[in-house]
């Protein structure tokens, strides 16, 4: 589990290759890297040779991720300026909420509305 092997007539388990980061594999006898399952949208995995979807980690608050098979948290994109997002594992930029009227925010990846500043009087 967590590996695949592409060579016919292999004579050692050392020829088995770890599934790449961003994937996992729960079965045995997998013959191609494509047999490794990708972590879904809103998730990433840094582990090589993972044997469980539990190794897929939710993207953090303030971010979203719409691809699959992402190998690290840099694949989680930050919400843009003027927006925030409090949930984990969000899958689209539309999951980011806008700061309300009378407020603004210039940074990226804001994890809560408390970062939205009031406009000056």
Protein backbone atom coordinates (compact mmCIF):
# COMPACT_ATOMS: atom_id res chain seq x y z
CA UNK A 1 0.00 0.00 0.00
CA UNK A 2 1.19 3.52 -0.76
CA UNK A 3 3.38 2.21 -3.58
CA UNK A 4 3.33 1.11 -7.19
CA UNK A 5 5.75 -0.81 -9.39
CA UNK A 6 6.09 -0.61 -13.21
CA UNK A 7 8.76 -3.24 -13.98
CA UNK A 8 7.87 -6.78 -15.09
CA UNK A 9 9.87 -9.47 -13.35
CA UNK A 10 10.85 -7.34 -10.35
CA UNK A 11 12.88 -9.35 -7.84
CA UNK A 12 12.71 -7.08 -4.79
CA UNK A 13 10.25 -4.87 -2.93
CA UNK A 14 12.93 -2.16 -3.10
CA UNK A 15 11.80 -1.64 -6.72
CA UNK A 16 8.38 -0.48 -5.51
CA UNK A 17 8.02 3.29 -5.76
CA UNK A 18 6.24 5.55 -3.29
CA UNK A 19 3.09 7.25 -4.52
CA UNK A 20 3.87 10.95 -5.00
CA UNK A 21 2.92 13.68 -2.54
CA UNK A 22 -0.68 14.77 -3.09
CA UNK A 23 -1.78 11.16 -3.55
CA UNK A 24 -2.47 8.00 -1.56
CA UNK A 25 -2.97 4.36 -2.41
CA UNK A 26 -4.85 1.81 -0.28
CA UNK A 27 -4.51 -1.35 -2.37
CA UNK A 28 -1.78 -3.78 -3.39
CA UNK A 29 -0.34 -4.70 -6.77
CA UNK A 30 -0.64 -1.26 -8.36
CA UNK A 31 1.34 -1.11 -11.62
CA UNK A 32 1.27 2.63 -12.45
CA UNK A 33 1.59 5.95 -10.62
CA UNK A 34 -1.86 6.71 -12.03
CA UNK A 35 -3.15 3.99 -9.67
CA UNK A 36 -2.41 6.33 -6.76
CA UNK A 37 -5.56 8.30 -5.85
CA UNK A 38 -5.32 12.09 -5.78
CA UNK A 39 -6.31 14.07 -2.70
CA UNK A 40 -9.50 15.96 -3.55
CA UNK A 41 -10.20 19.66 -3.96
CA UNK A 42 -9.57 21.77 -0.86
CA UNK A 43 -6.89 19.29 0.26
CA UNK A 44 -3.15 18.70 -0.08
CA UNK A 45 -0.71 16.03 1.14
CA UNK A 46 3.04 16.31 1.68
CA UNK A 47 3.55 12.62 2.50
CA UNK A 48 5.24 10.30 0.01
CA UNK A 49 3.87 6.76 -0.11
CA UNK A 50 0.68 7.55 1.75
CA UNK A 51 -1.65 4.61 2.29
CA UNK A 52 -4.64 6.62 3.51
CA UNK A 53 -6.81 9.57 2.50
CA UNK A 54 -6.40 10.66 6.14
CA UNK A 55 -2.98 12.02 5.09
CA UNK A 56 -4.76 14.60 2.92
CA UNK A 57 -4.88 17.89 4.86
CA UNK A 58 -7.52 20.60 4.58
CA UNK A 59 -6.33 23.96 3.22
CA UNK A 60 -6.30 26.52 6.02
CA UNK A 61 -8.64 29.41 6.76
CA UNK A 62 -8.15 32.34 4.40
CA UNK A 63 -7.36 30.01 1.49
CA UNK A 64 -9.06 27.83 -1.12
CA UNK A 65 -7.89 25.20 -3.58
CA UNK A 66 -9.74 23.93 -6.67
CA UNK A 67 -7.34 21.28 -8.00
CA UNK A 68 -6.64 17.72 -6.94
CA UNK A 69 -3.40 15.91 -6.16
CA UNK A 70 -1.77 19.02 -4.65
CA UNK A 71 1.58 18.17 -2.97
CA UNK A 72 1.87 20.99 -0.43
CA UNK A 73 0.06 23.93 1.16
CA UNK A 74 1.45 26.38 -1.42
CA UNK A 75 -1.28 25.01 -3.72
CA UNK A 76 -3.86 26.59 -1.40
CA UNK A 77 -4.55 30.05 -2.86
CA UNK A 78 -5.16 33.02 -0.54
CA UNK A 79 -8.39 35.00 -0.57
CA UNK A 80 -7.79 38.36 -2.23
CA UNK A 81 -7.64 41.83 -0.76
CA UNK A 82 -10.98 42.96 0.62
CA UNK A 83 -12.01 39.39 1.41
CA UNK A 84 -11.67 36.78 4.16
CA UNK A 85 -12.60 33.17 4.75
CA UNK A 86 -12.96 31.35 8.09
CA UNK A 87 -13.51 27.74 6.99
CA UNK A 88 -11.09 24.92 6.21
CA UNK A 89 -10.85 23.01 2.93
CA UNK A 90 -12.62 25.60 0.80
CA UNK A 91 -12.64 24.85 -2.92
CA UNK A 92 -13.24 28.13 -4.78
CA UNK A 93 -12.55 31.87 -4.59
CA UNK A 94 -16.31 32.29 -4.21
CA UNK A 95 -15.96 30.72 -0.75
CA UNK A 96 -14.18 33.92 0.37
CA UNK A 97 -16.49 36.52 1.95
CA UNK A 98 -16.16 40.23 1.26
CA UNK A 99 -15.41 42.78 3.97
CA UNK A 100 -18.58 44.76 4.68
CA UNK A 101 -19.49 48.29 3.65
CA UNK A 102 -17.46 50.93 5.48
CA UNK A 103 -14.47 48.58 5.86
CA UNK A 104 -11.42 47.58 3.85
CA UNK A 105 -8.56 45.10 3.95
CA UNK A 106 -5.39 45.17 1.84
CA UNK A 107 -3.77 41.82 2.65
CA UNK A 108 -4.15 38.34 1.21
CA UNK A 109 -5.36 35.21 2.98
CA UNK A 110 -7.30 36.88 5.79
CA UNK A 111 -8.82 34.25 8.10
CA UNK A 112 -11.55 36.38 9.70
CA UNK A 113 -13.60 39.54 9.43
CA UNK A 114 -11.69 41.10 12.37
CA UNK A 115 -8.96 41.99 9.85
CA UNK A 116 -11.36 44.24 7.93
CA UNK A 117 -10.53 47.78 9.07
CA UNK A 118 -13.03 50.61 9.43
CA UNK A 119 -12.73 53.50 7.01
CA UNK A 120 -11.60 56.74 8.71
CA UNK A 121 -14.21 59.24 9.89
